[in-house]
Amino acid sequence: MPSVTTPPVDTREKARRERVERRRAQVLEAAARIMYDTGYHGMSMQAVAERAGMSVGLIYQYFGGKEEVLEAVIVDILNGFREQVPAAMDAAGSDPEERLAAGFAAFCEVIDSRREATLLAYRESQTLSPAGRATIIRMEEETTEPFRHAVREGIATGRFRAVSPELVAHNLKMAAHAWALKHWTLSRHHTLGEYVAAEMDLTLSAIRA
């Protein structure tokens, strides 16, 4: 009788983690679409389960309830910023203008891939508990810190005027969010790439020394 080779424990654990992440992503995508259509209060876990193609019981293995699902939808966007923005800025090199442009482009790309979830974050974030809102606020501050750092570097090297790094970071964040909030009109006039280039031209023109 041929012997059966048992996969190493770390391989099985990796496969398990990937399966869990895949299922969580299915749940978040389904929930975001349902909440976009019905609002948070109109969403049921049964509806999420049906859209995600799994049982309600399986969803409750990953999330404790509706509020946890909503928070996870928002956190998923913020994690996208936290992972992709610094990586894009590091790949751009040391020039502060290039770093800001690369970071803003990455920020907008995350928004573009999650437009419905971004709208939900604005519309439903007040539904979260105080602890949930505090988590979102903290994470949002972390996601814009690379912008502030690039502005501070630009000021220190004489490339930028003595502007407020906080205000520049805020304006870039709001411009990126506008791609989702006003997509219905902006997309009539610009592709995403054109929008990113135009917004960065306005920002850099205002802060260059």
C-alpha atoms as a PDB file:
ATOM      1  CA  MET A   1       0.000   0.000   0.000  1.00  0.00           C
ATOM      2  CA  PRO A   2       1.557   3.332  -0.991  1.00  0.00           C
ATOM      3  CA  SER A   3       2.433   5.650   1.829  1.00  0.00           C
ATOM      4  CA  VAL A   4       0.639   8.993   2.170  1.00  0.00           C
ATOM      5  CA  THR A   5       2.866  11.992   2.736  1.00  0.00           C
ATOM      6  CA  THR A   6       1.459  14.391   5.305  1.00  0.00           C
ATOM      7  CA  PRO A   7       2.035  18.061   4.430  1.00  0.00           C
ATOM      8  CA  PRO A   8       4.269  19.937   6.886  1.00  0.00           C
ATOM      9  CA  VAL A   9       2.416  21.709   9.669  1.00  0.00           C
ATOM     10  CA  ASP A  10       3.504  25.159   8.473  1.00  0.00           C
ATOM     11  CA  THR A  11       2.152  24.423   4.969  1.00  0.00           C
ATOM     12  CA  ARG A  12      -1.213  23.383   6.380  1.00  0.00           C
ATOM     13  CA  GLU A  13      -1.321  26.455   8.598  1.00  0.00           C
ATOM     14  CA  LYS A  14      -0.500  28.735   5.663  1.00  0.00           C
ATOM     15  CA  ALA A  15      -3.292  27.156   3.623  1.00  0.00           C
ATOM     16  CA  ARG A  16      -5.700  27.593   6.532  1.00  0.00           C
ATOM     17  CA  ARG A  17      -4.800  31.281   6.934  1.00  0.00           C
ATOM     18  CA  GLU A  18      -5.216  31.894   3.205  1.00  0.00           C
ATOM     19  CA  ARG A  19      -8.634  30.207   3.295  1.00  0.00           C
ATOM     20  CA  VAL A  20      -9.703  32.348   6.246  1.00  0.00           C
ATOM     21  CA  GLU A  21      -8.517  35.563   4.547  1.00  0.00           C
ATOM     22  CA  ARG A  22     -10.285  34.610   1.339  1.00  0.00           C
ATOM     23  CA  ARG A  23     -13.558  33.984   3.176  1.00  0.00           C
ATOM     24  CA  ARG A  24     -13.245  37.195   5.188  1.00  0.00           C
ATOM     25  CA  ALA A  25     -12.707  39.112   1.954  1.00  0.00           C
ATOM     26  CA  GLN A  26     -15.847  37.524   0.480  1.00  0.00           C
ATOM     27  CA  VAL A  27     -17.849  38.571   3.530  1.00  0.00           C
ATOM     28  CA  LEU A  28     -16.547  42.159   3.453  1.00  0.00           C
ATOM     29  CA  GLU A  29     -17.227  42.554  -0.259  1.00  0.00           C
ATOM     30  CA  ALA A  30     -20.765  41.191   0.134  1.00  0.00           C
ATOM     31  CA  ALA A  31     -21.452  43.362   3.194  1.00  0.00           C
ATOM     32  CA  ALA A  32     -20.127  46.522   1.525  1.00  0.00           C
ATOM     33  CA  ARG A  33     -22.397  46.030  -1.481  1.00  0.00           C
ATOM     34  CA  ILE A  34     -25.458  45.311   0.651  1.00  0.00           C
ATOM     35  CA  MET A  35     -24.846  48.253   2.996  1.00  0.00           C
ATOM     36  CA  TYR A  36     -24.273  50.501  -0.013  1.00  0.00           C
ATOM     37  CA  ASP A  37     -27.759  49.562  -1.253  1.00  0.00           C
ATOM     38  CA  THR A  38     -29.692  49.309   2.027  1.00  0.00           C
ATOM     39  CA  GLY A  39     -27.647  51.142   4.652  1.00  0.00           C
ATOM     40  CA  TYR A  40     -26.137  49.572   7.736  1.00  0.00           C
ATOM     41  CA  HIS A  41     -29.458  49.114   9.533  1.00  0.00           C
ATOM     42  CA  GLY A  42     -31.042  47.473   6.517  1.00  0.00           C
ATOM     43  CA  MET A  43     -28.319  44.839   6.296  1.00  0.00           C
ATOM     44  CA  SER A  44     -28.902  41.383   7.746  1.00  0.00           C
ATOM     45  CA  MET A  45     -26.260  38.760   8.361  1.00  0.00           C
ATOM     46  CA  GLN A  46     -28.453  36.313   6.442  1.00  0.00           C
ATOM     47  CA  ALA A  47     -28.316  38.572   3.383  1.00  0.00           C
ATOM     48  CA  VAL A  48     -24.534  38.830   3.695  1.00  0.00           C
ATOM     49  CA  ALA A  49     -24.270  35.047   3.950  1.00  0.00           C
ATOM     50  CA  GLU A  50     -26.390  34.529   0.857  1.00  0.00           C
ATOM     51  CA  ARG A  51     -24.420  37.062  -1.175  1.00  0.00           C
ATOM     52  CA  ALA A  52     -21.091  35.671   0.013  1.00  0.00           C
ATOM     53  CA  GLY A  53     -22.189  32.098  -0.707  1.00  0.00           C
ATOM     54  CA  MET A  54     -21.672  30.722   2.777  1.00  0.00           C
ATOM     55  CA  SER A  55     -23.637  29.960   5.924  1.00  0.00           C
ATOM     56  CA  VAL A  56     -24.457  32.523   8.609  1.00  0.00           C
ATOM     57  CA  GLY A  57     -22.753  30.260  11.126  1.00  0.00           C
ATOM     58  CA  LEU A  58     -19.510  30.420   9.165  1.00  0.00           C
ATOM     59  CA  ILE A  59     -19.641  34.222   9.100  1.00  0.00           C
ATOM     60  CA  TYR A  60     -20.032  34.281  12.873  1.00  0.00           C
ATOM     61  CA  GLN A  61     -16.787  32.337  13.130  1.00  0.00           C
ATOM     62  CA  TYR A  62     -15.038  35.418  11.744  1.00  0.00           C
ATOM     63  CA  PHE A  63     -17.199  38.305  12.986  1.00  0.00           C
ATOM     64  CA  GLY A  64     -19.170  38.830  16.169  1.00  0.00           C
ATOM     65  CA  GLY A  65     -21.987  40.742  14.487  1.00  0.00           C
ATOM     66  CA  LYS A  66     -22.991  43.559  12.156  1.00  0.00           C
ATOM     67  CA  GLU A  67     -20.911  46.239  13.847  1.00  0.00           C
ATOM     68  CA  GLU A  68     -17.768  44.141  13.601  1.00  0.00           C
ATOM     69  CA  VAL A  69     -18.470  43.634   9.897  1.00  0.00           C
ATOM     70  CA  LEU A  70     -18.902  47.382   9.332  1.00  0.00           C
ATOM     71  CA  GLU A  71     -15.711  48.164  11.251  1.00  0.00           C
ATOM     72  CA  ALA A  72     -13.833  45.495   9.286  1.00  0.00           C
ATOM     73  CA  VAL A  73     -15.021  46.996   5.972  1.00  0.00           C
ATOM     74  CA  ILE A  74     -13.558  50.370   6.990  1.00  0.00           C
ATOM     75  CA  VAL A  75     -10.388  48.861   8.460  1.00  0.00           C
ATOM     76  CA  ASP A  76      -9.837  46.959   5.212  1.00  0.00           C
ATOM     77  CA  ILE A  77      -9.590  50.282   3.333  1.00  0.00           C
ATOM     78  CA  LEU A  78      -7.207  51.715   5.922  1.00  0.00           C
ATOM     79  CA  ASN A  79      -5.033  48.610   5.772  1.00  0.00           C
ATOM     80  CA  GLY A  80      -4.837  49.083   2.024  1.00  0.00           C
ATOM     81  CA  PHE A  81      -3.484  52.601   2.580  1.00  0.00           C
ATOM     82  CA  ARG A  82      -1.079  51.416   5.262  1.00  0.00           C
ATOM     83  CA  GLU A  83       0.361  48.699   3.022  1.00  0.00           C
ATOM     84  CA  GLN A  84       0.418  50.344  -0.392  1.00  0.00           C
ATOM     85  CA  VAL A  85       1.159  54.025   0.241  1.00  0.00           C
ATOM     86  CA  PRO A  86       4.524  53.660   2.059  1.00  0.00           C
ATOM     87  CA  ALA A  87       5.619  50.974  -0.416  1.00  0.00           C
ATOM     88  CA  ALA A  88       4.876  53.251  -3.374  1.00  0.00           C
ATOM     89  CA  MET A  89       6.669  56.184  -1.749  1.00  0.00           C
ATOM     90  CA  ASP A  90       9.740  54.107  -0.933  1.00  0.00           C
ATOM     91  CA  ALA A  91       9.851  52.852  -4.528  1.00  0.00           C
ATOM     92  CA  ALA A  92       9.772  56.470  -5.750  1.00  0.00           C
ATOM     93  CA  GLY A  93      13.145  57.268  -4.182  1.00  0.00           C
ATOM     94  CA  SER A  94      14.197  60.183  -2.018  1.00  0.00           C
ATOM     95  CA  ASP A  95      12.836  63.201  -3.893  1.00  0.00           C
ATOM     96  CA  PRO A  96       9.974  64.617  -1.757  1.00  0.00           C
ATOM     97  CA  GLU A  97       7.885  65.646  -4.774  1.00  0.00           C
ATOM     98  CA  GLU A  98       8.181  62.196  -6.332  1.00  0.00           C
ATOM     99  CA  ARG A  99       7.392  60.566  -3.000  1.00  0.00           C
ATOM    100  CA  LEU A 100       4.255  62.663  -2.484  1.00  0.00           C
ATOM    101  CA  ALA A 101       3.068  61.987  -6.023  1.00  0.00           C
ATOM    102  CA  ALA A 102       3.618  58.232  -5.706  1.00  0.00           C
ATOM    103  CA  GLY A 103       1.922  58.093  -2.315  1.00  0.00           C
ATOM    104  CA  PHE A 104      -1.082  60.069  -3.497  1.00  0.00           C
ATOM    105  CA  ALA A 105      -1.437  57.859  -6.579  1.00  0.00           C
ATOM    106  CA  ALA A 106      -1.384  54.739  -4.386  1.00  0.00           C
ATOM    107  CA  PHE A 107      -3.911  56.285  -2.005  1.00  0.00           C
ATOM    108  CA  CYS A 108      -6.259  57.036  -4.906  1.00  0.00           C
ATOM    109  CA  GLU A 109      -5.837  53.544  -6.330  1.00  0.00           C
ATOM    110  CA  VAL A 110      -6.945  52.025  -3.017  1.00  0.00           C
ATOM    111  CA  ILE A 111      -9.965  54.347  -3.014  1.00  0.00           C
ATOM    112  CA  ASP A 112     -10.792  53.463  -6.609  1.00  0.00           C
ATOM    113  CA  SER A 113     -10.728  49.739  -5.835  1.00  0.00           C
ATOM    114  CA  ARG A 114     -13.052  50.232  -2.853  1.00  0.00           C
ATOM    115  CA  ARG A 115     -15.328  53.115  -3.852  1.00  0.00           C
ATOM    116  CA  GLU A 116     -18.496  51.636  -2.314  1.00  0.00           C
ATOM    117  CA  ALA A 117     -16.691  50.852   0.936  1.00  0.00           C
ATOM    118  CA  THR A 118     -15.282  54.401   1.035  1.00  0.00           C
ATOM    119  CA  LEU A 119     -18.767  55.859   0.734  1.00  0.00           C
ATOM    120  CA  LEU A 120     -19.891  53.561   3.532  1.00  0.00           C
ATOM    121  CA  ALA A 121     -17.056  54.756   5.732  1.00  0.00           C
ATOM    122  CA  TYR A 122     -18.394  58.305   5.428  1.00  0.00           C
ATOM    123  CA  ARG A 123     -22.045  57.381   5.713  1.00  0.00           C
ATOM    124  CA  GLU A 124     -21.959  54.803   8.486  1.00  0.00           C
ATOM    125  CA  SER A 125     -18.875  55.435  10.634  1.00  0.00           C
ATOM    126  CA  GLN A 126     -20.969  57.190  13.291  1.00  0.00           C
ATOM    127  CA  THR A 127     -22.788  53.884  13.766  1.00  0.00           C
ATOM    128  CA  LEU A 128     -19.640  52.393  15.298  1.00  0.00           C
ATOM    129  CA  SER A 129     -19.092  52.255  19.033  1.00  0.00           C
ATOM    130  CA  PRO A 130     -16.800  54.901  20.594  1.00  0.00           C
ATOM    131  CA  ALA A 131     -14.029  52.293  20.706  1.00  0.00           C
ATOM    132  CA  GLY A 132     -14.581  51.451  17.059  1.00  0.00           C
ATOM    133  CA  ARG A 133     -14.470  55.113  16.037  1.00  0.00           C
ATOM    134  CA  ALA A 134     -11.292  55.617  18.077  1.00  0.00           C
ATOM    135  CA  THR A 135      -9.661  52.743  16.207  1.00  0.00           C
ATOM    136  CA  ILE A 136     -10.630  54.217  12.849  1.00  0.00           C
ATOM    137  CA  ILE A 137      -9.366  57.693  13.793  1.00  0.00           C
ATOM    138  CA  ARG A 138      -6.036  56.277  14.998  1.00  0.00           C
ATOM    139  CA  MET A 139      -5.555  54.221  11.861  1.00  0.00           C
ATOM    140  CA  GLU A 140      -6.484  57.140   9.622  1.00  0.00           C
ATOM    141  CA  GLU A 141      -3.820  59.272  11.284  1.00  0.00           C
ATOM    142  CA  GLU A 142      -1.283  56.521  10.640  1.00  0.00           C
ATOM    143  CA  THR A 143      -2.192  56.278   6.959  1.00  0.00           C
ATOM    144  CA  THR A 144      -1.498  59.973   6.298  1.00  0.00           C
ATOM    145  CA  GLU A 145       1.747  60.159   8.276  1.00  0.00           C
ATOM    146  CA  PRO A 146       3.851  59.299   5.181  1.00  0.00           C
ATOM    147  CA  PHE A 147       2.462  62.444   3.507  1.00  0.00           C
ATOM    148  CA  ARG A 148       3.346  64.595   6.499  1.00  0.00           C
ATOM    149  CA  HIS A 149       6.826  63.080   6.622  1.00  0.00           C
ATOM    150  CA  ALA A 150       7.449  63.811   2.928  1.00  0.00           C
ATOM    151  CA  VAL A 151       6.336  67.426   3.388  1.00  0.00           C
ATOM    152  CA  ARG A 152       8.608  67.845   6.417  1.00  0.00           C
ATOM    153  CA  GLU A 153      11.514  66.459   4.376  1.00  0.00           C
ATOM    154  CA  GLY A 154      10.704  68.848   1.527  1.00  0.00           C
ATOM    155  CA  ILE A 155      10.684  71.814   3.891  1.00  0.00           C
ATOM    156  CA  ALA A 156      13.955  70.728   5.499  1.00  0.00           C
ATOM    157  CA  THR A 157      15.699  70.477   2.118  1.00  0.00           C
ATOM    158  CA  GLY A 158      14.287  73.759   0.821  1.00  0.00           C
ATOM    159  CA  ARG A 159      12.067  72.149  -1.867  1.00  0.00           C
ATOM    160  CA  PHE A 160       8.847  73.236  -0.143  1.00  0.00           C
ATOM    161  CA  ARG A 161       7.757  76.409   1.545  1.00  0.00           C
ATOM    162  CA  ALA A 162       7.150  76.421   5.285  1.00  0.00           C
ATOM    163  CA  VAL A 163       3.632  75.055   4.919  1.00  0.00           C
ATOM    164  CA  SER A 164       1.633  72.954   7.372  1.00  0.00           C
ATOM    165  CA  PRO A 165       2.440  69.242   6.820  1.00  0.00           C
ATOM    166  CA  GLU A 166      -0.810  68.417   8.596  1.00  0.00           C
ATOM    167  CA  LEU A 167      -2.881  70.547   6.227  1.00  0.00           C
ATOM    168  CA  VAL A 168      -1.167  69.224   3.096  1.00  0.00           C
ATOM    169  CA  ALA A 169      -1.747  65.633   4.244  1.00  0.00           C
ATOM    170  CA  HIS A 170      -5.378  66.434   5.024  1.00  0.00           C
ATOM    171  CA  ASN A 171      -5.936  68.022   1.620  1.00  0.00           C
ATOM    172  CA  LEU A 172      -4.401  65.051  -0.187  1.00  0.00           C
ATOM    173  CA  LYS A 173      -6.559  62.642   1.808  1.00  0.00           C
ATOM    174  CA  MET A 174      -9.723  64.601   1.028  1.00  0.00           C
ATOM    175  CA  ALA A 175      -8.825  64.879  -2.656  1.00  0.00           C
ATOM    176  CA  ALA A 176      -8.385  61.105  -2.798  1.00  0.00           C
ATOM    177  CA  HIS A 177     -11.689  60.502  -1.021  1.00  0.00           C
ATOM    178  CA  ALA A 178     -13.395  62.874  -3.459  1.00  0.00           C
ATOM    179  CA  TRP A 179     -12.685  60.367  -6.220  1.00  0.00           C
ATOM    180  CA  ALA A 180     -15.226  58.090  -4.520  1.00  0.00           C
ATOM    181  CA  LEU A 181     -17.547  60.747  -3.117  1.00  0.00           C
ATOM    182  CA  LYS A 182     -17.874  62.648  -6.417  1.00  0.00           C
ATOM    183  CA  HIS A 183     -16.971  59.888  -8.822  1.00  0.00           C
ATOM    184  CA  TRP A 184     -20.199  60.349 -10.751  1.00  0.00           C
ATOM    185  CA  THR A 185     -19.044  63.758 -11.961  1.00  0.00           C
ATOM    186  CA  LEU A 186     -15.238  63.565 -11.783  1.00  0.00           C
ATOM    187  CA  SER A 187     -15.112  60.420 -13.917  1.00  0.00           C
ATOM    188  CA  ARG A 188     -16.942  62.269 -16.697  1.00  0.00           C
ATOM    189  CA  HIS A 189     -13.967  64.593 -17.100  1.00  0.00           C
ATOM    190  CA  HIS A 190     -10.921  62.614 -15.937  1.00  0.00           C
ATOM    191  CA  THR A 191      -9.513  59.134 -15.823  1.00  0.00           C
ATOM    192  CA  LEU A 192      -8.045  58.192 -12.461  1.00  0.00           C
ATOM    193  CA  GLY A 193      -4.541  58.875 -13.766  1.00  0.00           C
ATOM    194  CA  GLU A 194      -5.515  62.295 -15.071  1.00  0.00           C
ATOM    195  CA  TYR A 195      -7.207  63.156 -11.781  1.00  0.00           C
ATOM    196  CA  VAL A 196      -4.144  62.138  -9.769  1.00  0.00           C
ATOM    197  CA  ALA A 197      -1.836  64.189 -12.005  1.00  0.00           C
ATOM    198  CA  ALA A 198      -4.062  67.282 -11.899  1.00  0.00           C
ATOM    199  CA  GLU A 199      -4.498  67.201  -8.121  1.00  0.00           C
ATOM    200  CA  MET A 200      -0.763  66.731  -7.571  1.00  0.00           C
ATOM    201  CA  ASP A 201      -0.011  69.627  -9.931  1.00  0.00           C
ATOM    202  CA  LEU A 202      -2.262  71.863  -7.858  1.00  0.00           C
ATOM    203  CA  THR A 203      -0.726  70.687  -4.574  1.00  0.00           C
ATOM    204  CA  LEU A 204       2.909  70.932  -5.660  1.00  0.00           C
ATOM    205  CA  SER A 205       2.373  74.329  -7.303  1.00  0.00           C
ATOM    206  CA  ALA A 206       1.086  75.612  -3.987  1.00  0.00           C
ATOM    207  CA  ILE A 207       3.851  74.275  -1.756  1.00  0.00           C
ATOM    208  CA  ARG A 208       7.015  74.544  -3.850  1.00  0.00           C
ATOM    209  CA  ALA A 209       9.576  77.004  -2.538  1.00  0.00           C
END
